[in-house]
Amino acid sequence: MVYSILKRESLSIKQFTFTVVVFLRKLILADSIARDVGELPGVVMHVKRGGYLEHFMADIVSGSITVTGMDAILIHVGTNNICRDFDPQAVLCEMGNLLKVIRRLNNKVHLVVSGILPRLVDLHETENIVKHYNKLLVNVCRDTNTMLIRSFNSFVSGNEPTGVKTWLYARDGLHLSVRGSQVLTQMFRVQFADRNIAQRRVVLDAERDQRSVRDFNFGFTNRISDD
């Protein structure tokens, strides 16, 4: 009798279905433009007021910011570099270096860059520079297997006198209003959807496999070609 009871219990255990929930690790690196972005589940935010691209690079290299093990990283940095350098090529170089370092440390991550928003505070000086930077950023993202959010498109309108949706900005003409932060939050939320991250990782895995086959066929298996 004891044996039969134990047997029935063991059979019932086999009928259980266990679901293991794996939480994706997500990170945002941003300057103060994104300081009021709404809460995004499971996302860790590193916001630096007055932050430059090289500041985030230094924190990653020193280990102050951890990118290894992250499933998705979104970068919204660069507007301070633009207003300091007024040179889109110089800023693109800094962005490219940052993306390459992250890729070396974590080649499976869903990496996303958000373009620089129009700077209403000094639009007459920076409008063309920002446009040129965002246009060239497409090439940098392509070369580093990075997704680009054309976030700037949501902040411009040909129907406005300045060409910019002024109500999306705070009074200082640089940071975002509540409405502007909501617009940016929604774009970030889409990129951090688990389904989008999973789909992107499938693409990255396939591309990595193709590179491995190519390198093997040409005898470059021991060669590092991240530059």
C-alpha atoms as a PDB file:
ATOM      1  CA  MET A   1       0.000   0.000   0.000  1.00  0.00           C
ATOM      2  CA  VAL A   2       2.792   2.397   0.860  1.00  0.00           C
ATOM      3  CA  TYR A   3       4.503   1.626  -2.430  1.00  0.00           C
ATOM      4  CA  SER A   4       1.359   2.346  -4.459  1.00  0.00           C
ATOM      5  CA  ILE A   5       0.857   5.745  -2.751  1.00  0.00           C
ATOM      6  CA  LEU A   6       4.431   6.784  -3.465  1.00  0.00           C
ATOM      7  CA  LYS A   7       4.064   5.653  -7.047  1.00  0.00           C
ATOM      8  CA  ARG A   8       0.944   7.758  -7.562  1.00  0.00           C
ATOM      9  CA  GLU A   9       2.697  10.787  -6.072  1.00  0.00           C
ATOM     10  CA  SER A  10       5.668  10.370  -8.369  1.00  0.00           C
ATOM     11  CA  LEU A  11       3.361  10.179 -11.393  1.00  0.00           C
ATOM     12  CA  SER A  12       1.553  13.322 -10.345  1.00  0.00           C
ATOM     13  CA  ILE A  13       4.860  15.167 -10.033  1.00  0.00           C
ATOM     14  CA  LYS A  14       5.670  14.329 -13.651  1.00  0.00           C
ATOM     15  CA  GLN A  15       2.536  16.148 -14.740  1.00  0.00           C
ATOM     16  CA  PHE A  16       3.698  19.497 -13.362  1.00  0.00           C
ATOM     17  CA  THR A  17       4.992  22.065 -15.849  1.00  0.00           C
ATOM     18  CA  PHE A  18       7.642  24.409 -14.570  1.00  0.00           C
ATOM     19  CA  THR A  19       8.066  27.788 -16.242  1.00  0.00           C
ATOM     20  CA  VAL A  20      11.390  29.508 -15.775  1.00  0.00           C
ATOM     21  CA  VAL A  21      11.175  33.266 -16.243  1.00  0.00           C
ATOM     22  CA  VAL A  22      14.408  34.835 -17.421  1.00  0.00           C
ATOM     23  CA  PHE A  23      14.545  38.593 -16.846  1.00  0.00           C
ATOM     24  CA  LEU A  24      16.490  40.454 -19.507  1.00  0.00           C
ATOM     25  CA  ARG A  25      19.063  42.953 -18.265  1.00  0.00           C
ATOM     26  CA  LYS A  26      18.704  46.398 -19.813  1.00  0.00           C
ATOM     27  CA  LEU A  27      20.786  49.543 -19.480  1.00  0.00           C
ATOM     28  CA  ILE A  28      20.400  53.178 -20.554  1.00  0.00           C
ATOM     29  CA  LEU A  29      23.392  55.506 -20.807  1.00  0.00           C
ATOM     30  CA  ALA A  30      22.170  59.079 -21.096  1.00  0.00           C
ATOM     31  CA  ASP A  31      22.895  62.723 -20.491  1.00  0.00           C
ATOM     32  CA  SER A  32      20.393  64.997 -18.766  1.00  0.00           C
ATOM     33  CA  ILE A  33      18.183  65.246 -21.871  1.00  0.00           C
ATOM     34  CA  ALA A  34      16.745  61.888 -20.806  1.00  0.00           C
ATOM     35  CA  ARG A  35      16.697  62.662 -17.073  1.00  0.00           C
ATOM     36  CA  ASP A  36      12.877  62.642 -16.905  1.00  0.00           C
ATOM     37  CA  VAL A  37      12.302  59.521 -18.969  1.00  0.00           C
ATOM     38  CA  GLY A  38       9.536  57.520 -17.328  1.00  0.00           C
ATOM     39  CA  GLU A  39      10.049  54.271 -15.509  1.00  0.00           C
ATOM     40  CA  LEU A  40      10.903  51.346 -17.753  1.00  0.00           C
ATOM     41  CA  PRO A  41      10.556  47.894 -16.133  1.00  0.00           C
ATOM     42  CA  GLY A  42      13.848  46.104 -15.634  1.00  0.00           C
ATOM     43  CA  VAL A  43      15.928  49.005 -16.956  1.00  0.00           C
ATOM     44  CA  VAL A  44      18.935  50.435 -15.113  1.00  0.00           C
ATOM     45  CA  MET A  45      19.605  54.092 -15.948  1.00  0.00           C
ATOM     46  CA  HIS A  46      22.964  55.846 -15.783  1.00  0.00           C
ATOM     47  CA  VAL A  47      22.276  59.559 -16.297  1.00  0.00           C
ATOM     48  CA  LYS A  48      25.115  62.097 -16.175  1.00  0.00           C
ATOM     49  CA  ARG A  49      24.308  65.778 -16.089  1.00  0.00           C
ATOM     50  CA  GLY A  50      26.604  67.466 -18.580  1.00  0.00           C
ATOM     51  CA  GLY A  51      27.842  64.023 -19.613  1.00  0.00           C
ATOM     52  CA  TYR A  52      30.094  63.583 -22.639  1.00  0.00           C
ATOM     53  CA  LEU A  53      30.668  60.425 -24.650  1.00  0.00           C
ATOM     54  CA  GLU A  54      34.203  60.125 -23.269  1.00  0.00           C
ATOM     55  CA  HIS A  55      32.837  60.170 -19.691  1.00  0.00           C
ATOM     56  CA  PHE A  56      30.801  57.044 -20.368  1.00  0.00           C
ATOM     57  CA  MET A  57      33.744  55.457 -22.139  1.00  0.00           C
ATOM     58  CA  ALA A  58      35.937  56.029 -19.069  1.00  0.00           C
ATOM     59  CA  ASP A  59      33.295  54.566 -16.737  1.00  0.00           C
ATOM     60  CA  ILE A  60      32.929  51.450 -18.880  1.00  0.00           C
ATOM     61  CA  VAL A  61      36.676  50.893 -19.205  1.00  0.00           C
ATOM     62  CA  SER A  62      37.183  51.389 -15.452  1.00  0.00           C
ATOM     63  CA  GLY A  63      34.304  49.054 -14.608  1.00  0.00           C
ATOM     64  CA  SER A  64      32.175  51.742 -12.952  1.00  0.00           C
ATOM     65  CA  ILE A  65      29.509  50.879 -15.508  1.00  0.00           C
ATOM     66  CA  THR A  66      29.076  47.204 -16.332  1.00  0.00           C
ATOM     67  CA  VAL A  67      28.060  46.281 -19.871  1.00  0.00           C
ATOM     68  CA  THR A  68      28.984  42.599 -19.794  1.00  0.00           C
ATOM     69  CA  GLY A  69      25.961  40.385 -19.316  1.00  0.00           C
ATOM     70  CA  MET A  70      23.548  43.073 -20.479  1.00  0.00           C
ATOM     71  CA  ASP A  71      20.941  41.999 -23.026  1.00  0.00           C
ATOM     72  CA  ALA A  72      20.172  45.520 -24.267  1.00  0.00           C
ATOM     73  CA  ILE A  73      21.957  48.865 -24.002  1.00  0.00           C
ATOM     74  CA  LEU A  74      20.525  52.153 -25.236  1.00  0.00           C
ATOM     75  CA  ILE A  75      22.721  55.240 -25.606  1.00  0.00           C
ATOM     76  CA  HIS A  76      21.320  58.766 -25.668  1.00  0.00           C
ATOM     77  CA  VAL A  77      24.470  60.864 -25.404  1.00  0.00           C
ATOM     78  CA  GLY A  78      26.202  63.391 -27.630  1.00  0.00           C
ATOM     79  CA  THR A  79      24.412  66.721 -27.408  1.00  0.00           C
ATOM     80  CA  ASN A  80      27.044  68.101 -25.003  1.00  0.00           C
ATOM     81  CA  ASN A  81      29.804  67.001 -27.374  1.00  0.00           C
ATOM     82  CA  ILE A  82      28.065  68.799 -30.222  1.00  0.00           C
ATOM     83  CA  CYS A  83      27.756  72.103 -28.345  1.00  0.00           C
ATOM     84  CA  ARG A  84      31.407  71.872 -27.248  1.00  0.00           C
ATOM     85  CA  ASP A  85      33.053  70.787 -30.499  1.00  0.00           C
ATOM     86  CA  PHE A  86      30.636  72.010 -33.190  1.00  0.00           C
ATOM     87  CA  ASP A  87      32.210  69.237 -35.258  1.00  0.00           C
ATOM     88  CA  PRO A  88      29.963  66.297 -36.219  1.00  0.00           C
ATOM     89  CA  GLN A  89      32.913  64.195 -37.400  1.00  0.00           C
ATOM     90  CA  ALA A  90      34.665  64.498 -34.041  1.00  0.00           C
ATOM     91  CA  VAL A  91      31.509  63.480 -32.183  1.00  0.00           C
ATOM     92  CA  LEU A  92      30.941  60.566 -34.554  1.00  0.00           C
ATOM     93  CA  CYS A  93      34.462  59.361 -33.822  1.00  0.00           C
ATOM     94  CA  GLU A  94      33.763  59.404 -30.077  1.00  0.00           C
ATOM     95  CA  MET A  95      30.464  57.575 -30.579  1.00  0.00           C
ATOM     96  CA  GLY A  96      32.083  54.974 -32.824  1.00  0.00           C
ATOM     97  CA  ASN A  97      34.801  54.296 -30.254  1.00  0.00           C
ATOM     98  CA  LEU A  98      32.219  53.878 -27.498  1.00  0.00           C
ATOM     99  CA  LEU A  99      30.152  51.429 -29.554  1.00  0.00           C
ATOM    100  CA  LYS A 100      33.235  49.375 -30.485  1.00  0.00           C
ATOM    101  CA  VAL A 101      34.318  49.085 -26.851  1.00  0.00           C
ATOM    102  CA  ILE A 102      30.869  47.900 -25.810  1.00  0.00           C
ATOM    103  CA  ARG A 103      30.818  45.393 -28.671  1.00  0.00           C
ATOM    104  CA  ARG A 104      34.212  43.988 -27.625  1.00  0.00           C
ATOM    105  CA  LEU A 105      32.966  43.488 -24.075  1.00  0.00           C
ATOM    106  CA  ASN A 106      29.538  42.152 -25.057  1.00  0.00           C
ATOM    107  CA  ASN A 107      29.102  41.025 -28.657  1.00  0.00           C
ATOM    108  CA  LYS A 108      25.593  39.654 -28.080  1.00  0.00           C
ATOM    109  CA  VAL A 109      24.000  42.799 -26.725  1.00  0.00           C
ATOM    110  CA  HIS A 110      21.084  44.524 -28.456  1.00  0.00           C
ATOM    111  CA  LEU A 111      22.808  47.876 -28.897  1.00  0.00           C
ATOM    112  CA  VAL A 112      20.736  50.971 -29.668  1.00  0.00           C
ATOM    113  CA  VAL A 113      21.695  54.598 -30.264  1.00  0.00           C
ATOM    114  CA  SER A 114      19.227  57.459 -30.061  1.00  0.00           C
ATOM    115  CA  GLY A 115      20.025  60.359 -32.372  1.00  0.00           C
ATOM    116  CA  ILE A 116      20.694  63.870 -31.078  1.00  0.00           C
ATOM    117  CA  LEU A 117      17.568  65.960 -30.663  1.00  0.00           C
ATOM    118  CA  PRO A 118      17.350  69.492 -32.075  1.00  0.00           C
ATOM    119  CA  ARG A 119      18.828  71.992 -29.626  1.00  0.00           C
ATOM    120  CA  LEU A 120      16.176  74.693 -29.396  1.00  0.00           C
ATOM    121  CA  VAL A 121      18.372  76.782 -27.083  1.00  0.00           C
ATOM    122  CA  ASP A 122      20.978  77.439 -29.803  1.00  0.00           C
ATOM    123  CA  LEU A 123      19.145  76.255 -32.913  1.00  0.00           C
ATOM    124  CA  HIS A 124      20.633  78.907 -35.195  1.00  0.00           C
ATOM    125  CA  GLU A 125      24.146  77.623 -34.405  1.00  0.00           C
ATOM    126  CA  THR A 126      23.601  73.889 -34.135  1.00  0.00           C
ATOM    127  CA  GLU A 127      20.695  73.040 -36.457  1.00  0.00           C
ATOM    128  CA  ASN A 128      22.793  72.057 -39.478  1.00  0.00           C
ATOM    129  CA  ILE A 129      25.473  70.415 -37.320  1.00  0.00           C
ATOM    130  CA  VAL A 130      22.920  68.203 -35.585  1.00  0.00           C
ATOM    131  CA  LYS A 131      21.281  67.286 -38.895  1.00  0.00           C
ATOM    132  CA  HIS A 132      24.632  66.369 -40.429  1.00  0.00           C
ATOM    133  CA  TYR A 133      25.615  64.309 -37.389  1.00  0.00           C
ATOM    134  CA  ASN A 134      22.343  62.368 -37.387  1.00  0.00           C
ATOM    135  CA  LYS A 135      22.682  61.681 -41.097  1.00  0.00           C
ATOM    136  CA  LEU A 136      26.198  60.289 -40.733  1.00  0.00           C
ATOM    137  CA  LEU A 137      25.287  58.348 -37.578  1.00  0.00           C
ATOM    138  CA  VAL A 138      23.492  55.835 -39.794  1.00  0.00           C
ATOM    139  CA  ASN A 139      26.840  54.638 -41.147  1.00  0.00           C
ATOM    140  CA  VAL A 140      28.433  54.319 -37.709  1.00  0.00           C
ATOM    141  CA  CYS A 141      25.506  52.247 -36.460  1.00  0.00           C
ATOM    142  CA  ARG A 142      25.610  50.000 -39.510  1.00  0.00           C
ATOM    143  CA  ASP A 143      29.325  49.346 -39.071  1.00  0.00           C
ATOM    144  CA  THR A 144      28.872  48.358 -35.408  1.00  0.00           C
ATOM    145  CA  ASN A 145      25.662  46.299 -35.745  1.00  0.00           C
ATOM    146  CA  THR A 146      23.769  48.944 -33.799  1.00  0.00           C
ATOM    147  CA  MET A 147      20.123  49.933 -34.113  1.00  0.00           C
ATOM    148  CA  LEU A 148      19.431  53.642 -34.643  1.00  0.00           C
ATOM    149  CA  ILE A 149      16.405  55.416 -33.206  1.00  0.00           C
ATOM    150  CA  ARG A 150      15.637  58.444 -35.343  1.00  0.00           C
ATOM    151  CA  SER A 151      14.288  60.154 -32.255  1.00  0.00           C
ATOM    152  CA  PHE A 152      14.923  63.599 -33.721  1.00  0.00           C
ATOM    153  CA  ASN A 153      12.129  63.056 -36.269  1.00  0.00           C
ATOM    154  CA  SER A 154       9.518  63.196 -33.505  1.00  0.00           C
ATOM    155  CA  PHE A 155      10.723  66.616 -32.368  1.00  0.00           C
ATOM    156  CA  VAL A 156      10.606  68.450 -35.705  1.00  0.00           C
ATOM    157  CA  SER A 157       7.739  69.689 -37.826  1.00  0.00           C
ATOM    158  CA  GLY A 158       7.668  71.695 -41.012  1.00  0.00           C
ATOM    159  CA  ASN A 159       4.542  73.431 -39.778  1.00  0.00           C
ATOM    160  CA  GLU A 160       6.400  75.205 -36.968  1.00  0.00           C
ATOM    161  CA  PRO A 161       8.162  78.567 -37.489  1.00  0.00           C
ATOM    162  CA  THR A 162      11.426  77.181 -36.146  1.00  0.00           C
ATOM    163  CA  GLY A 163      10.897  73.724 -37.606  1.00  0.00           C
ATOM    164  CA  VAL A 164      10.925  72.323 -34.056  1.00  0.00           C
ATOM    165  CA  LYS A 165       7.999  71.303 -31.833  1.00  0.00           C
ATOM    166  CA  THR A 166       8.651  73.851 -29.102  1.00  0.00           C
ATOM    167  CA  TRP A 167       6.054  72.422 -26.719  1.00  0.00           C
ATOM    168  CA  LEU A 168       8.212  69.303 -26.310  1.00  0.00           C
ATOM    169  CA  TYR A 169      10.918  71.412 -24.637  1.00  0.00           C
ATOM    170  CA  ALA A 170      11.271  72.960 -21.199  1.00  0.00           C
ATOM    171  CA  ARG A 171      11.702  76.705 -20.756  1.00  0.00           C
ATOM    172  CA  ASP A 172      15.486  76.477 -21.039  1.00  0.00           C
ATOM    173  CA  GLY A 173      15.123  75.308 -24.646  1.00  0.00           C
ATOM    174  CA  LEU A 174      17.420  72.356 -24.049  1.00  0.00           C
ATOM    175  CA  HIS A 175      15.776  69.852 -21.731  1.00  0.00           C
ATOM    176  CA  LEU A 176      12.427  68.282 -22.389  1.00  0.00           C
ATOM    177  CA  SER A 177       8.979  69.154 -21.138  1.00  0.00           C
ATOM    178  CA  VAL A 178       6.733  66.523 -19.580  1.00  0.00           C
ATOM    179  CA  ARG A 179       5.258  65.861 -23.014  1.00  0.00           C
ATOM    180  CA  GLY A 180       8.703  65.649 -24.606  1.00  0.00           C
ATOM    181  CA  SER A 181       9.895  63.160 -21.997  1.00  0.00           C
ATOM    182  CA  GLN A 182       6.810  61.048 -22.663  1.00  0.00           C
ATOM    183  CA  VAL A 183       7.618  60.971 -26.381  1.00  0.00           C
ATOM    184  CA  LEU A 184      11.192  59.872 -25.681  1.00  0.00           C
ATOM    185  CA  THR A 185      10.044  57.299 -23.127  1.00  0.00           C
ATOM    186  CA  GLN A 186       7.756  55.628 -25.628  1.00  0.00           C
ATOM    187  CA  MET A 187      10.549  55.272 -28.179  1.00  0.00           C
ATOM    188  CA  PHE A 188      12.815  53.732 -25.547  1.00  0.00           C
ATOM    189  CA  ARG A 189      10.049  51.392 -24.403  1.00  0.00           C
ATOM    190  CA  VAL A 190       9.622  49.973 -27.900  1.00  0.00           C
ATOM    191  CA  GLN A 191      13.337  49.226 -28.196  1.00  0.00           C
ATOM    192  CA  PHE A 192      13.376  47.510 -24.806  1.00  0.00           C
ATOM    193  CA  ALA A 193      10.451  45.211 -25.565  1.00  0.00           C
ATOM    194  CA  ASP A 194      11.617  41.667 -24.834  1.00  0.00           C
ATOM    195  CA  ARG A 195      10.394  40.447 -28.217  1.00  0.00           C
ATOM    196  CA  ASN A 196      12.435  43.063 -30.079  1.00  0.00           C
ATOM    197  CA  ILE A 197      15.535  42.237 -28.051  1.00  0.00           C
ATOM    198  CA  ALA A 198      15.119  38.506 -28.710  1.00  0.00           C
ATOM    199  CA  GLN A 199      14.636  39.061 -32.441  1.00  0.00           C
ATOM    200  CA  ARG A 200      17.682  41.300 -32.631  1.00  0.00           C
ATOM    201  CA  ARG A 201      19.848  38.743 -30.814  1.00  0.00           C
ATOM    202  CA  VAL A 202      18.844  36.099 -33.370  1.00  0.00           C
ATOM    203  CA  VAL A 203      20.078  38.430 -36.115  1.00  0.00           C
ATOM    204  CA  LEU A 204      23.338  39.117 -34.263  1.00  0.00           C
ATOM    205  CA  ASP A 205      23.936  35.393 -33.699  1.00  0.00           C
ATOM    206  CA  ALA A 206      23.392  34.689 -37.402  1.00  0.00           C
ATOM    207  CA  GLU A 207      25.768  37.490 -38.411  1.00  0.00           C
ATOM    208  CA  ARG A 208      28.395  36.270 -35.953  1.00  0.00           C
ATOM    209  CA  ASP A 209      28.122  32.725 -37.331  1.00  0.00           C
ATOM    210  CA  GLN A 210      28.563  34.024 -40.870  1.00  0.00           C
ATOM    211  CA  ARG A 211      31.678  35.944 -39.860  1.00  0.00           C
ATOM    212  CA  SER A 212      33.067  32.842 -38.136  1.00  0.00           C
ATOM    213  CA  VAL A 213      32.552  30.740 -41.264  1.00  0.00           C
ATOM    214  CA  ARG A 214      34.123  33.430 -43.441  1.00  0.00           C
ATOM    215  CA  ASP A 215      37.133  33.805 -41.138  1.00  0.00           C
ATOM    216  CA  PHE A 216      37.592  30.034 -40.980  1.00  0.00           C
ATOM    217  CA  ASN A 217      37.456  29.693 -44.766  1.00  0.00           C
ATOM    218  CA  PHE A 218      40.066  32.393 -45.200  1.00  0.00           C
ATOM    219  CA  GLY A 219      42.268  31.237 -42.325  1.00  0.00           C
ATOM    220  CA  PHE A 220      41.569  34.230 -40.096  1.00  0.00           C
ATOM    221  CA  THR A 221      40.243  32.309 -37.090  1.00  0.00           C
ATOM    222  CA  ASN A 222      42.889  33.749 -34.787  1.00  0.00           C
ATOM    223  CA  ARG A 223      42.631  37.267 -36.102  1.00  0.00           C
ATOM    224  CA  ILE A 224      40.822  40.011 -34.225  1.00  0.00           C
ATOM    225  CA  SER A 225      39.295  42.517 -36.635  1.00  0.00           C
ATOM    226  CA  ASP A 226      37.215  44.871 -34.520  1.00  0.00           C
ATOM    227  CA  ASP A 227      38.884  48.040 -35.809  1.00  0.00           C
END
